[in-house]
Structure formats: structure tokens, C-alpha cells
Amino acid sequence: MRILIADDSRVMRQIVIRTLRQAGFEGHELVEAADGRQAHDAVQSEKPDLVVCDWNMPEMTGIQVLGALRAAGNHVPFGFVTSECTAEMQNAAEAAGALFFIIKPFTPERFKEALSTVLG
């Protein structure tokens, strides 16, 4: 399985990757994107099976990436890992088709819970 990790912080991408492994999701191919535009383009070129995306990024926000993908007919499983969390953000994410919303700081257990239905 190929997982795209999109976050403008390289350190945060590494933390997400480490946490995925700690949650038991090892052996997956991981692709990284450093901003929203890269994330959008990587979905097209890399064809990931899952996108784990930050909300606030340069070029395109995470919700803009998700909206653009859905508008183009791409239904890749998509979820957010973000430090901000408002009811409006969660509602917008759900309405746009996000499968999960993980709030920073997070634990391996939270990843396992959120991704178990997506990754099996």
C-alpha cells in the first residue's frame, strides 16, 4: 500500500511516519509532499492508496487539496492530521469526504483507531 504524507513541516512528516510504524502500519510505501500543490500533484502521479494531510499548508490548504481531488472525480481515501480543530473544520472535512481527523499531538493508538478501517 502506498501512503502519501503531506505536511509543510519535514519534522512533522517524519513524526507522522514514525507514528504510523508505531501504530503497526509498517511495510507500506511512503511518499511525502511539502505543500498542498505537491500533495495534489503527488496524488495524480503516485496514485497513493491513502492520503494523510495537514490542514494548513502553503500553495493549497489540505481542504483545498481534498476539494480539488473530489471535484476531479478522485476518491482516494483522505484524512487530516492537524494542530487546529474547530467544529467548522471537522464538519468541512467530513462534508468534503475526509475519513478521519487526527489532532496534534497524537498517539500511535489514535492513528491505529483512525486508520484501522481504512488500512485494515
Protein backbone atom coordinates (compact mmCIF):
# COMPACT_ATOMS: atom_id res chain seq x y z
CA MET A 1 0.00 0.00 0.00
CA ARG A 2 1.23 3.50 -0.86
CA ILE A 3 0.58 6.29 1.67
CA LEU A 4 1.08 9.98 0.88
CA ILE A 5 2.11 12.12 3.88
CA ALA A 6 1.51 15.83 3.18
CA ASP A 7 2.76 18.44 5.65
CA ASP A 8 4.81 21.60 5.16
CA SER A 9 7.00 20.62 8.12
CA ARG A 10 9.62 17.98 7.30
CA VAL A 11 9.90 17.17 11.01
CA MET A 12 6.15 16.63 11.27
CA ARG A 13 6.19 14.34 8.22
CA GLN A 14 8.87 12.27 9.96
CA ILE A 15 6.81 12.18 13.19
CA VAL A 16 3.73 11.01 11.26
CA ILE A 17 5.80 8.31 9.55
CA ARG A 18 7.26 7.13 12.85
CA THR A 19 3.83 7.13 14.47
CA LEU A 20 2.36 5.10 11.59
CA ARG A 21 5.06 2.49 12.17
CA GLN A 22 4.47 2.52 15.93
CA ALA A 23 0.76 2.01 15.27
CA GLY A 24 1.58 -1.16 13.38
CA PHE A 25 1.32 0.18 9.83
CA GLU A 26 4.77 -0.95 8.73
CA GLY A 27 5.86 -2.11 5.33
CA HIS A 28 3.85 0.45 3.39
CA GLU A 29 5.45 2.58 0.70
CA LEU A 30 5.52 6.18 1.89
CA VAL A 31 5.52 9.25 -0.33
CA GLU A 32 5.97 12.78 1.03
CA ALA A 33 4.69 16.18 -0.08
CA ALA A 34 5.87 19.50 1.38
CA ASP A 35 2.87 21.66 0.44
CA GLY A 36 -0.65 21.43 -0.86
CA ARG A 37 0.25 21.74 -4.54
CA GLN A 38 2.83 18.95 -4.20
CA ALA A 39 0.22 16.83 -2.41
CA HIS A 40 -2.34 17.38 -5.16
CA ASP A 41 0.21 16.60 -7.88
CA ALA A 42 1.53 13.54 -6.00
CA VAL A 43 -1.95 12.04 -5.82
CA GLN A 44 -2.08 12.28 -9.61
CA SER A 45 1.43 10.92 -10.24
CA GLU A 46 1.96 8.48 -7.36
CA LYS A 47 -1.59 7.06 -7.12
CA PRO A 48 -1.50 6.57 -3.33
CA ASP A 49 -3.95 4.27 -1.57
CA LEU A 50 -4.27 6.77 1.30
CA VAL A 51 -3.53 10.47 1.87
CA VAL A 52 -2.65 11.76 5.36
CA CYS A 53 -2.68 15.54 5.06
CA ASP A 54 -2.07 18.62 7.19
CA TRP A 55 -4.78 21.30 7.08
CA ASN A 56 -2.65 24.46 6.90
CA MET A 57 -0.04 24.35 4.15
CA PRO A 58 1.30 26.79 1.54
CA GLU A 59 0.15 26.74 -2.09
CA MET A 60 -3.09 24.89 -1.26
CA THR A 61 -4.58 24.07 2.13
CA GLY A 62 -5.44 20.48 2.90
CA ILE A 63 -9.16 21.11 2.47
CA GLN A 64 -8.46 22.74 -0.90
CA VAL A 65 -6.46 19.67 -1.96
CA LEU A 66 -9.31 17.39 -0.92
CA GLY A 67 -11.88 19.57 -2.68
CA ALA A 68 -9.87 19.67 -5.90
CA LEU A 69 -9.38 15.91 -5.87
CA ARG A 70 -13.07 15.23 -5.29
CA ALA A 71 -14.08 17.77 -7.96
CA ALA A 72 -11.84 15.88 -10.41
CA GLY A 73 -13.53 12.59 -9.52
CA ASN A 74 -10.63 11.24 -7.43
CA HIS A 75 -11.91 9.37 -4.38
CA VAL A 76 -8.61 8.31 -2.78
CA PRO A 77 -9.11 7.71 0.98
CA PHE A 78 -8.11 11.00 2.61
CA GLY A 79 -7.76 12.21 6.19
CA PHE A 80 -6.33 15.07 8.16
CA VAL A 81 -3.62 15.33 10.81
CA THR A 82 -3.66 18.89 12.09
CA SER A 83 -2.98 21.06 15.13
CA GLU A 84 -6.12 23.12 14.67
CA CYS A 85 -9.52 21.69 15.36
CA THR A 86 -12.80 23.52 15.26
CA ALA A 87 -16.25 22.09 14.74
CA GLU A 88 -16.37 24.00 11.45
CA MET A 89 -13.12 22.38 10.27
CA GLN A 90 -14.30 18.92 11.22
CA ASN A 91 -17.66 19.50 9.52
CA ALA A 92 -15.97 20.82 6.37
CA ALA A 93 -13.61 17.84 6.30
CA GLU A 94 -16.45 15.36 6.71
CA ALA A 95 -18.59 17.12 4.11
CA ALA A 96 -15.68 17.04 1.64
CA GLY A 97 -15.23 13.32 2.16
CA ALA A 98 -12.41 13.04 4.71
CA LEU A 99 -12.38 9.71 6.52
CA PHE A 100 -10.60 10.84 9.67
CA PHE A 101 -9.44 13.92 11.57
CA ILE A 102 -6.46 13.37 13.89
CA ILE A 103 -5.46 16.24 16.16
CA LYS A 104 -1.82 17.01 17.04
CA PRO A 105 -0.32 15.97 19.36
CA PHE A 106 -1.35 12.41 18.58
CA THR A 107 -0.52 8.90 19.71
CA PRO A 108 0.07 5.65 17.86
CA GLU A 109 -3.20 4.44 19.38
CA ARG A 110 -5.10 7.32 17.80
CA PHE A 111 -3.58 6.51 14.41
CA LYS A 112 -4.45 2.84 14.85
CA GLU A 113 -8.04 3.73 15.73
CA ALA A 114 -8.47 6.22 12.86
CA LEU A 115 -6.75 4.16 10.18
CA SER A 116 -7.85 0.64 11.08
CA THR A 117 -10.97 0.86 8.93
CA VAL A 118 -9.01 2.46 6.07
CA LEU A 119 -5.96 0.19 6.10
CA GLY A 120 -7.49 -2.94 7.54
